[in-house]
Amino acid sequence: MAGYVLAYPKLIMKRLFKILFFGLFAAFLSCEKDKKTEPAPGVDTGNLNINFSNLVDTSALAFGKKYMNANGDTFTVDKFNYIISNVVITKNDNSNFSEANSYHIIRQSSSANNQISIVGVSVGTYKSISFMLGVDSVTNSSGSKTGELDLSKASDMYWDWSTGYIALKLEGTSPQSGASTKRLTFHVGGYGGVNKAQRTFNLGFGGAAANVSKTTTPTLYLSVDANELFKSPTTVKFATQYFQMSAGSGAKVYADNYTDMIKFEKVLN
């Protein structure tokens, strides 16, 4: 009986050794097999430039130049900024490329800020683009930001008191302004509820195509008509509508107006 008790653990150990040996051997073969398997080839990528041409009606926007709104009020502009985000471009086969960390501030004060470059775009032929004017609600409410939304870069497009980014900012002057200083101040923002200021643009290329390759970087040209801020569906009268600097129903008026502010012009390959 004692010999049996002694032999039993030895038998168990021998079996465990065999199981462990064959298990390790199988794993070794699997690793060798994996080593011989070639990795899937990477997807070829290129870049796409997007140029934003700021206008008033059909004239190039220039600071200090006199323009007229739909109500017949004259005005000048000395600041015009807006945020473009969530850029998605669509191929002819309807597959999409979405830019990661997709936030860009366009500032009329610097021509260098009027063009953005989308890098790492899958090679192919693209027929349309979509993006948001403003910053999505998830990002707005997610705490500290990085990249273009870092407040060291974007502090002038951020409201500390309401924890949100300004979608669009236009400032200037008008002799018809109801302000004692004749200033015009339009800071349009708000990211939640019925009065949110974000607007999504879906722009086809009108039968043209952006051909992205490893050696070709197309440029997409979009026009941005600042005067759309003051017309359709609401005609803005500077005598009474000259100051907007908060979220809410007042901001929604301007956001609804700029829904058709950005249009496709052309693409150059």
C-alpha atoms as a PDB file:
ATOM      1  CA  MET A   1       0.000   0.000   0.000  1.00  0.00           C
ATOM      2  CA  ALA A   2       2.832   2.388   0.898  1.00  0.00           C
ATOM      3  CA  GLY A   3       4.598   1.613  -2.403  1.00  0.00           C
ATOM      4  CA  TYR A   4       1.433   2.436  -4.276  1.00  0.00           C
ATOM      5  CA  VAL A   5       1.108   5.768  -2.520  1.00  0.00           C
ATOM      6  CA  LEU A   6       4.705   6.562  -3.455  1.00  0.00           C
ATOM      7  CA  ALA A   7       4.302   5.550  -7.077  1.00  0.00           C
ATOM      8  CA  TYR A   8       1.090   7.514  -7.599  1.00  0.00           C
ATOM      9  CA  PRO A   9       2.632  10.996  -7.375  1.00  0.00           C
ATOM     10  CA  LYS A  10       5.442   9.881  -9.680  1.00  0.00           C
ATOM     11  CA  LEU A  11       2.869   8.809 -12.265  1.00  0.00           C
ATOM     12  CA  ILE A  12       1.099  12.151 -11.990  1.00  0.00           C
ATOM     13  CA  MET A  13       4.361  14.058 -12.402  1.00  0.00           C
ATOM     14  CA  LYS A  14       5.279  12.022 -15.484  1.00  0.00           C
ATOM     15  CA  ARG A  15       1.936  12.775 -17.109  1.00  0.00           C
ATOM     16  CA  LEU A  16       2.178  16.463 -16.257  1.00  0.00           C
ATOM     17  CA  PHE A  17       5.657  16.545 -17.783  1.00  0.00           C
ATOM     18  CA  LYS A  18       4.372  15.018 -21.025  1.00  0.00           C
ATOM     19  CA  ILE A  19       1.476  17.508 -21.188  1.00  0.00           C
ATOM     20  CA  LEU A  20       3.824  20.407 -20.520  1.00  0.00           C
ATOM     21  CA  PHE A  21       6.361  19.175 -23.096  1.00  0.00           C
ATOM     22  CA  PHE A  22       3.836  18.722 -25.880  1.00  0.00           C
ATOM     23  CA  GLY A  23       2.183  22.023 -25.010  1.00  0.00           C
ATOM     24  CA  LEU A  24       5.483  23.873 -25.261  1.00  0.00           C
ATOM     25  CA  PHE A  25       6.354  22.047 -28.466  1.00  0.00           C
ATOM     26  CA  ALA A  26       3.020  22.997 -30.029  1.00  0.00           C
ATOM     27  CA  ALA A  27       3.525  26.609 -28.981  1.00  0.00           C
ATOM     28  CA  PHE A  28       7.017  26.559 -30.501  1.00  0.00           C
ATOM     29  CA  LEU A  29       5.653  25.279 -33.807  1.00  0.00           C
ATOM     30  CA  SER A  30       2.965  27.933 -33.741  1.00  0.00           C
ATOM     31  CA  CYS A  31       5.570  30.651 -33.197  1.00  0.00           C
ATOM     32  CA  GLU A  32       7.702  29.300 -36.024  1.00  0.00           C
ATOM     33  CA  LYS A  33       4.665  29.310 -38.269  1.00  0.00           C
ATOM     34  CA  ASP A  34       3.901  32.921 -37.323  1.00  0.00           C
ATOM     35  CA  LYS A  35       7.469  33.940 -38.107  1.00  0.00           C
ATOM     36  CA  LYS A  36       7.127  32.588 -41.615  1.00  0.00           C
ATOM     37  CA  THR A  37       3.842  34.414 -42.225  1.00  0.00           C
ATOM     38  CA  GLU A  38       4.400  37.727 -44.039  1.00  0.00           C
ATOM     39  CA  PRO A  39       2.577  40.743 -42.521  1.00  0.00           C
ATOM     40  CA  ALA A  40      -0.300  42.182 -44.506  1.00  0.00           C
ATOM     41  CA  PRO A  41       0.911  44.964 -46.802  1.00  0.00           C
ATOM     42  CA  GLY A  42       0.249  48.468 -45.470  1.00  0.00           C
ATOM     43  CA  VAL A  43      -2.295  50.792 -47.020  1.00  0.00           C
ATOM     44  CA  ASP A  44      -0.726  53.438 -49.263  1.00  0.00           C
ATOM     45  CA  THR A  45      -1.427  56.977 -48.123  1.00  0.00           C
ATOM     46  CA  GLY A  46      -1.084  60.553 -49.336  1.00  0.00           C
ATOM     47  CA  ASN A  47      -2.266  64.022 -48.329  1.00  0.00           C
ATOM     48  CA  LEU A  48      -5.136  66.377 -49.180  1.00  0.00           C
ATOM     49  CA  ASN A  49      -5.069  70.163 -48.808  1.00  0.00           C
ATOM     50  CA  ILE A  50      -8.242  72.148 -48.115  1.00  0.00           C
ATOM     51  CA  ASN A  51      -8.188  75.866 -48.879  1.00  0.00           C
ATOM     52  CA  PHE A  52     -10.827  78.150 -47.321  1.00  0.00           C
ATOM     53  CA  SER A  53     -11.380  81.377 -49.311  1.00  0.00           C
ATOM     54  CA  ASN A  54     -13.133  83.882 -47.049  1.00  0.00           C
ATOM     55  CA  LEU A  55     -15.506  86.177 -48.933  1.00  0.00           C
ATOM     56  CA  VAL A  56     -18.237  88.752 -48.473  1.00  0.00           C
ATOM     57  CA  ASP A  57     -20.727  87.816 -51.165  1.00  0.00           C
ATOM     58  CA  THR A  58     -18.340  87.237 -54.088  1.00  0.00           C
ATOM     59  CA  SER A  59     -15.570  89.655 -53.024  1.00  0.00           C
ATOM     60  CA  ALA A  60     -12.510  88.539 -51.090  1.00  0.00           C
ATOM     61  CA  LEU A  61     -12.819  89.427 -47.429  1.00  0.00           C
ATOM     62  CA  ALA A  62     -10.370  92.180 -46.512  1.00  0.00           C
ATOM     63  CA  PHE A  63     -10.117  93.829 -43.113  1.00  0.00           C
ATOM     64  CA  GLY A  64     -11.273  97.453 -43.131  1.00  0.00           C
ATOM     65  CA  LYS A  65     -13.042  97.240 -46.498  1.00  0.00           C
ATOM     66  CA  LYS A  66     -16.676  98.399 -46.610  1.00  0.00           C
ATOM     67  CA  TYR A  67     -19.395  95.861 -47.363  1.00  0.00           C
ATOM     68  CA  MET A  68     -23.192  95.791 -47.220  1.00  0.00           C
ATOM     69  CA  ASN A  69     -25.452  93.241 -45.591  1.00  0.00           C
ATOM     70  CA  ALA A  70     -28.879  92.056 -46.772  1.00  0.00           C
ATOM     71  CA  ASN A  71     -30.593  94.780 -44.757  1.00  0.00           C
ATOM     72  CA  GLY A  72     -28.614  97.508 -46.522  1.00  0.00           C
ATOM     73  CA  ASP A  73     -26.363  98.205 -43.524  1.00  0.00           C
ATOM     74  CA  THR A  74     -22.721  98.905 -44.299  1.00  0.00           C
ATOM     75  CA  PHE A  75     -19.971  97.281 -42.261  1.00  0.00           C
ATOM     76  CA  THR A  76     -16.282  96.488 -42.020  1.00  0.00           C
ATOM     77  CA  VAL A  77     -14.638  93.383 -40.561  1.00  0.00           C
ATOM     78  CA  ASP A  78     -11.514  93.261 -38.413  1.00  0.00           C
ATOM     79  CA  LYS A  79     -11.781  89.698 -37.082  1.00  0.00           C
ATOM     80  CA  PHE A  80     -13.119  86.503 -38.637  1.00  0.00           C
ATOM     81  CA  ASN A  81     -12.368  83.090 -37.091  1.00  0.00           C
ATOM     82  CA  TYR A  82     -14.112  79.711 -37.129  1.00  0.00           C
ATOM     83  CA  ILE A  83     -13.422  76.108 -36.185  1.00  0.00           C
ATOM     84  CA  ILE A  84     -13.573  73.231 -38.680  1.00  0.00           C
ATOM     85  CA  SER A  85     -13.772  69.734 -37.186  1.00  0.00           C
ATOM     86  CA  ASN A  86     -14.602  66.085 -37.852  1.00  0.00           C
ATOM     87  CA  VAL A  87     -13.412  66.050 -41.462  1.00  0.00           C
ATOM     88  CA  VAL A  88     -14.555  63.009 -43.463  1.00  0.00           C
ATOM     89  CA  ILE A  89     -13.863  62.507 -47.177  1.00  0.00           C
ATOM     90  CA  THR A  90     -15.694  59.968 -49.310  1.00  0.00           C
ATOM     91  CA  LYS A  91     -14.324  57.929 -52.206  1.00  0.00           C
ATOM     92  CA  ASN A  92     -16.123  57.101 -55.429  1.00  0.00           C
ATOM     93  CA  ASP A  93     -16.826  53.631 -53.990  1.00  0.00           C
ATOM     94  CA  ASN A  94     -18.537  55.313 -50.986  1.00  0.00           C
ATOM     95  CA  SER A  95     -15.879  54.268 -48.477  1.00  0.00           C
ATOM     96  CA  ASN A  96     -14.765  56.999 -46.093  1.00  0.00           C
ATOM     97  CA  PHE A  97     -11.550  58.386 -44.650  1.00  0.00           C
ATOM     98  CA  SER A  98     -11.979  60.167 -41.304  1.00  0.00           C
ATOM     99  CA  GLU A  99      -9.249  62.455 -40.038  1.00  0.00           C
ATOM    100  CA  ALA A 100      -8.107  61.662 -36.495  1.00  0.00           C
ATOM    101  CA  ASN A 101      -8.047  64.508 -33.939  1.00  0.00           C
ATOM    102  CA  SER A 102      -9.796  66.587 -36.566  1.00  0.00           C
ATOM    103  CA  TYR A 103      -9.871  70.184 -35.310  1.00  0.00           C
ATOM    104  CA  HIS A 104      -8.672  73.262 -37.191  1.00  0.00           C
ATOM    105  CA  ILE A 105      -9.007  76.971 -36.444  1.00  0.00           C
ATOM    106  CA  ILE A 106      -9.279  79.182 -39.523  1.00  0.00           C
ATOM    107  CA  ARG A 107      -8.238  82.784 -38.923  1.00  0.00           C
ATOM    108  CA  GLN A 108      -8.583  85.496 -41.549  1.00  0.00           C
ATOM    109  CA  SER A 109      -5.792  87.421 -39.820  1.00  0.00           C
ATOM    110  CA  SER A 110      -3.230  85.004 -41.253  1.00  0.00           C
ATOM    111  CA  SER A 111      -3.294  83.575 -44.765  1.00  0.00           C
ATOM    112  CA  ALA A 112      -1.323  80.604 -43.429  1.00  0.00           C
ATOM    113  CA  ASN A 113      -4.372  79.649 -41.385  1.00  0.00           C
ATOM    114  CA  ASN A 114      -6.652  79.517 -44.419  1.00  0.00           C
ATOM    115  CA  GLN A 115      -5.341  76.170 -45.642  1.00  0.00           C
ATOM    116  CA  ILE A 116      -5.233  72.905 -43.756  1.00  0.00           C
ATOM    117  CA  SER A 117      -3.539  69.663 -44.707  1.00  0.00           C
ATOM    118  CA  ILE A 118      -5.159  66.290 -44.097  1.00  0.00           C
ATOM    119  CA  VAL A 119      -2.304  63.786 -43.826  1.00  0.00           C
ATOM    120  CA  GLY A 120      -2.239  59.999 -44.044  1.00  0.00           C
ATOM    121  CA  VAL A 121      -5.232  59.866 -46.396  1.00  0.00           C
ATOM    122  CA  SER A 122      -5.846  56.479 -47.987  1.00  0.00           C
ATOM    123  CA  VAL A 123      -4.857  56.574 -51.647  1.00  0.00           C
ATOM    124  CA  GLY A 124      -7.872  56.788 -53.951  1.00  0.00           C
ATOM    125  CA  THR A 125     -10.337  58.965 -55.834  1.00  0.00           C
ATOM    126  CA  TYR A 126     -12.556  61.119 -53.622  1.00  0.00           C
ATOM    127  CA  LYS A 127     -15.883  62.713 -54.572  1.00  0.00           C
ATOM    128  CA  SER A 128     -17.141  64.587 -51.492  1.00  0.00           C
ATOM    129  CA  ILE A 129     -16.309  65.949 -48.074  1.00  0.00           C
ATOM    130  CA  SER A 130     -18.178  66.514 -44.834  1.00  0.00           C
ATOM    131  CA  PHE A 131     -17.158  68.406 -41.709  1.00  0.00           C
ATOM    132  CA  MET A 132     -18.567  70.325 -38.785  1.00  0.00           C
ATOM    133  CA  LEU A 133     -18.402  74.055 -38.177  1.00  0.00           C
ATOM    134  CA  GLY A 134     -17.769  74.138 -34.439  1.00  0.00           C
ATOM    135  CA  VAL A 135     -16.733  71.461 -31.962  1.00  0.00           C
ATOM    136  CA  ASP A 136     -18.827  68.383 -31.197  1.00  0.00           C
ATOM    137  CA  SER A 137     -20.515  68.123 -27.798  1.00  0.00           C
ATOM    138  CA  VAL A 138     -18.448  65.120 -26.634  1.00  0.00           C
ATOM    139  CA  THR A 139     -15.171  66.969 -27.153  1.00  0.00           C
ATOM    140  CA  ASN A 140     -16.581  70.182 -25.699  1.00  0.00           C
ATOM    141  CA  SER A 141     -17.462  68.419 -22.448  1.00  0.00           C
ATOM    142  CA  SER A 142     -14.511  66.020 -22.146  1.00  0.00           C
ATOM    143  CA  GLY A 143     -12.108  68.154 -20.134  1.00  0.00           C
ATOM    144  CA  SER A 144      -8.610  69.290 -21.100  1.00  0.00           C
ATOM    145  CA  LYS A 145      -7.843  69.423 -24.820  1.00  0.00           C
ATOM    146  CA  THR A 146      -4.743  68.920 -26.935  1.00  0.00           C
ATOM    147  CA  GLY A 147      -3.604  69.792 -30.455  1.00  0.00           C
ATOM    148  CA  GLU A 148      -5.359  72.687 -32.148  1.00  0.00           C
ATOM    149  CA  LEU A 149      -7.857  72.899 -29.282  1.00  0.00           C
ATOM    150  CA  ASP A 150      -5.188  73.370 -26.632  1.00  0.00           C
ATOM    151  CA  LEU A 151      -5.995  76.660 -24.939  1.00  0.00           C
ATOM    152  CA  SER A 152      -2.473  77.925 -25.563  1.00  0.00           C
ATOM    153  CA  LYS A 153      -3.568  78.064 -29.216  1.00  0.00           C
ATOM    154  CA  ALA A 154      -7.343  78.369 -28.956  1.00  0.00           C
ATOM    155  CA  SER A 155      -7.950  80.617 -25.961  1.00  0.00           C
ATOM    156  CA  ASP A 156      -9.537  83.293 -28.151  1.00  0.00           C
ATOM    157  CA  MET A 157     -12.067  80.709 -29.373  1.00  0.00           C
ATOM    158  CA  TYR A 158     -13.084  79.429 -25.951  1.00  0.00           C
ATOM    159  CA  TRP A 159     -15.588  80.583 -23.314  1.00  0.00           C
ATOM    160  CA  ASP A 160     -14.293  79.906 -19.815  1.00  0.00           C
ATOM    161  CA  TRP A 161     -17.616  80.724 -18.217  1.00  0.00           C
ATOM    162  CA  SER A 162     -19.651  78.236 -20.230  1.00  0.00           C
ATOM    163  CA  THR A 163     -16.939  75.623 -20.907  1.00  0.00           C
ATOM    164  CA  GLY A 164     -17.340  75.581 -24.629  1.00  0.00           C
ATOM    165  CA  TYR A 165     -15.637  76.505 -27.856  1.00  0.00           C
ATOM    166  CA  ILE A 166     -16.812  79.371 -30.028  1.00  0.00           C
ATOM    167  CA  ALA A 167     -17.846  77.999 -33.424  1.00  0.00           C
ATOM    168  CA  LEU A 168     -17.490  81.322 -35.251  1.00  0.00           C
ATOM    169  CA  LYS A 169     -16.341  84.802 -34.348  1.00  0.00           C
ATOM    170  CA  LEU A 170     -16.845  87.939 -36.448  1.00  0.00           C
ATOM    171  CA  GLU A 171     -16.065  91.447 -35.224  1.00  0.00           C
ATOM    172  CA  GLY A 172     -16.105  94.804 -36.982  1.00  0.00           C
ATOM    173  CA  THR A 173     -17.899  98.126 -37.181  1.00  0.00           C
ATOM    174  CA  SER A 174     -21.002  99.592 -38.767  1.00  0.00           C
ATOM    175  CA  PRO A 175     -22.400 103.138 -38.769  1.00  0.00           C
ATOM    176  CA  GLN A 176     -25.809 101.514 -38.292  1.00  0.00           C
ATOM    177  CA  SER A 177     -24.713  99.582 -35.195  1.00  0.00           C
ATOM    178  CA  GLY A 178     -26.797 100.232 -32.091  1.00  0.00           C
ATOM    179  CA  ALA A 179     -23.644 100.141 -29.970  1.00  0.00           C
ATOM    180  CA  SER A 180     -22.332 103.487 -28.736  1.00  0.00           C
ATOM    181  CA  THR A 181     -18.942 102.525 -30.165  1.00  0.00           C
ATOM    182  CA  LYS A 182     -20.527 101.378 -33.465  1.00  0.00           C
ATOM    183  CA  ARG A 183     -18.919  97.987 -32.908  1.00  0.00           C
ATOM    184  CA  LEU A 184     -20.236  94.678 -34.212  1.00  0.00           C
ATOM    185  CA  THR A 185     -19.530  91.631 -32.028  1.00  0.00           C
ATOM    186  CA  PHE A 186     -20.735  88.181 -33.016  1.00  0.00           C
ATOM    187  CA  HIS A 187     -19.327  85.239 -31.023  1.00  0.00           C
ATOM    188  CA  VAL A 188     -21.494  82.240 -31.890  1.00  0.00           C
ATOM    189  CA  GLY A 189     -21.290  79.134 -29.730  1.00  0.00           C
ATOM    190  CA  GLY A 190     -23.122  76.604 -27.591  1.00  0.00           C
ATOM    191  CA  TYR A 191     -22.896  72.854 -28.039  1.00  0.00           C
ATOM    192  CA  GLY A 192     -25.991  71.283 -26.491  1.00  0.00           C
ATOM    193  CA  GLY A 193     -29.746  71.152 -26.916  1.00  0.00           C
ATOM    194  CA  VAL A 194     -31.960  72.901 -29.425  1.00  0.00           C
ATOM    195  CA  ASN A 195     -29.751  76.016 -29.476  1.00  0.00           C
ATOM    196  CA  LYS A 196     -26.480  74.292 -30.354  1.00  0.00           C
ATOM    197  CA  ALA A 197     -24.337  76.248 -32.795  1.00  0.00           C
ATOM    198  CA  GLN A 198     -22.556  73.386 -34.570  1.00  0.00           C
ATOM    199  CA  ARG A 199     -23.541  72.865 -38.187  1.00  0.00           C
ATOM    200  CA  THR A 200     -22.509  70.014 -40.489  1.00  0.00           C
ATOM    201  CA  PHE A 201     -21.609  70.612 -44.133  1.00  0.00           C
ATOM    202  CA  ASN A 202     -21.818  67.890 -46.788  1.00  0.00           C
ATOM    203  CA  LEU A 203     -20.217  69.058 -50.022  1.00  0.00           C
ATOM    204  CA  GLY A 204     -19.983  67.103 -53.240  1.00  0.00           C
ATOM    205  CA  PHE A 205     -17.304  67.908 -55.784  1.00  0.00           C
ATOM    206  CA  GLY A 206     -19.787  68.437 -58.615  1.00  0.00           C
ATOM    207  CA  GLY A 207     -18.543  65.565 -60.743  1.00  0.00           C
ATOM    208  CA  ALA A 208     -14.882  66.457 -60.158  1.00  0.00           C
ATOM    209  CA  ALA A 209     -12.556  64.208 -58.150  1.00  0.00           C
ATOM    210  CA  ALA A 210      -9.656  64.569 -55.749  1.00  0.00           C
ATOM    211  CA  ASN A 211      -7.072  61.959 -56.730  1.00  0.00           C
ATOM    212  CA  VAL A 212      -4.939  61.243 -53.673  1.00  0.00           C
ATOM    213  CA  SER A 213      -1.744  59.286 -54.288  1.00  0.00           C
ATOM    214  CA  LYS A 214       1.683  58.907 -52.726  1.00  0.00           C
ATOM    215  CA  THR A 215       3.025  61.510 -55.163  1.00  0.00           C
ATOM    216  CA  THR A 216      -0.022  63.739 -55.801  1.00  0.00           C
ATOM    217  CA  THR A 217      -1.577  66.067 -53.202  1.00  0.00           C
ATOM    218  CA  PRO A 218      -4.860  67.565 -54.455  1.00  0.00           C
ATOM    219  CA  THR A 219      -6.113  70.906 -53.165  1.00  0.00           C
ATOM    220  CA  LEU A 220      -9.799  71.343 -52.482  1.00  0.00           C
ATOM    221  CA  TYR A 221     -11.028  74.949 -52.703  1.00  0.00           C
ATOM    222  CA  LEU A 222     -13.995  75.998 -50.566  1.00  0.00           C
ATOM    223  CA  SER A 223     -15.536  79.470 -50.340  1.00  0.00           C
ATOM    224  CA  VAL A 224     -16.804  80.899 -47.053  1.00  0.00           C
ATOM    225  CA  ASP A 225     -19.248  83.805 -47.374  1.00  0.00           C
ATOM    226  CA  ALA A 226     -19.193  85.813 -44.135  1.00  0.00           C
ATOM    227  CA  ASN A 227     -22.258  87.782 -45.252  1.00  0.00           C
ATOM    228  CA  GLU A 228     -24.371  84.622 -44.884  1.00  0.00           C
ATOM    229  CA  LEU A 229     -24.160  85.265 -41.150  1.00  0.00           C
ATOM    230  CA  PHE A 230     -26.591  88.153 -41.652  1.00  0.00           C
ATOM    231  CA  LYS A 231     -29.237  86.720 -43.983  1.00  0.00           C
ATOM    232  CA  SER A 232     -31.601  83.811 -44.578  1.00  0.00           C
ATOM    233  CA  PRO A 233     -33.549  82.690 -42.753  1.00  0.00           C
ATOM    234  CA  THR A 234     -33.150  85.826 -40.600  1.00  0.00           C
ATOM    235  CA  THR A 235     -32.188  89.222 -42.025  1.00  0.00           C
ATOM    236  CA  VAL A 236     -29.972  90.865 -39.415  1.00  0.00           C
ATOM    237  CA  LYS A 237     -30.405  94.578 -38.669  1.00  0.00           C
ATOM    238  CA  PHE A 238     -27.344  96.080 -37.039  1.00  0.00           C
ATOM    239  CA  ALA A 239     -29.405  98.758 -35.280  1.00  0.00           C
ATOM    240  CA  THR A 240     -30.764  96.108 -32.919  1.00  0.00           C
ATOM    241  CA  GLN A 241     -28.597  93.035 -33.639  1.00  0.00           C
ATOM    242  CA  TYR A 242     -25.011  94.091 -33.078  1.00  0.00           C
ATOM    243  CA  PHE A 243     -23.869  92.047 -30.074  1.00  0.00           C
ATOM    244  CA  GLN A 244     -23.890  88.289 -29.472  1.00  0.00           C
ATOM    245  CA  MET A 245     -21.525  86.720 -26.959  1.00  0.00           C
ATOM    246  CA  SER A 246     -23.293  83.760 -25.370  1.00  0.00           C
ATOM    247  CA  ALA A 247     -24.961  80.458 -26.172  1.00  0.00           C
ATOM    248  CA  GLY A 248     -28.716  80.292 -26.484  1.00  0.00           C
ATOM    249  CA  SER A 249     -31.538  81.237 -28.814  1.00  0.00           C
ATOM    250  CA  GLY A 250     -29.731  84.400 -29.917  1.00  0.00           C
ATOM    251  CA  ALA A 251     -26.709  82.404 -31.064  1.00  0.00           C
ATOM    252  CA  LYS A 252     -28.953  79.938 -32.873  1.00  0.00           C
ATOM    253  CA  VAL A 253     -30.197  82.747 -35.148  1.00  0.00           C
ATOM    254  CA  TYR A 254     -26.692  83.227 -36.555  1.00  0.00           C
ATOM    255  CA  ALA A 255     -25.935  79.504 -36.620  1.00  0.00           C
ATOM    256  CA  ASP A 256     -29.059  78.898 -38.702  1.00  0.00           C
ATOM    257  CA  ASN A 257     -27.948  81.689 -41.017  1.00  0.00           C
ATOM    258  CA  TYR A 258     -24.467  80.255 -41.590  1.00  0.00           C
ATOM    259  CA  THR A 259     -25.774  76.776 -42.412  1.00  0.00           C
ATOM    260  CA  ASP A 260     -25.086  77.503 -46.116  1.00  0.00           C
ATOM    261  CA  MET A 261     -22.017  79.694 -45.601  1.00  0.00           C
ATOM    262  CA  ILE A 262     -19.456  77.235 -47.023  1.00  0.00           C
ATOM    263  CA  LYS A 263     -19.556  75.995 -50.615  1.00  0.00           C
ATOM    264  CA  PHE A 264     -17.434  73.851 -52.926  1.00  0.00           C
ATOM    265  CA  GLU A 265     -15.598  75.773 -55.644  1.00  0.00           C
ATOM    266  CA  LYS A 266     -13.059  73.469 -57.331  1.00  0.00           C
ATOM    267  CA  VAL A 267     -10.424  70.822 -56.843  1.00  0.00           C
ATOM    268  CA  LEU A 268      -6.940  70.863 -58.380  1.00  0.00           C
ATOM    269  CA  ASN A 269      -4.953  67.632 -58.627  1.00  0.00           C
END
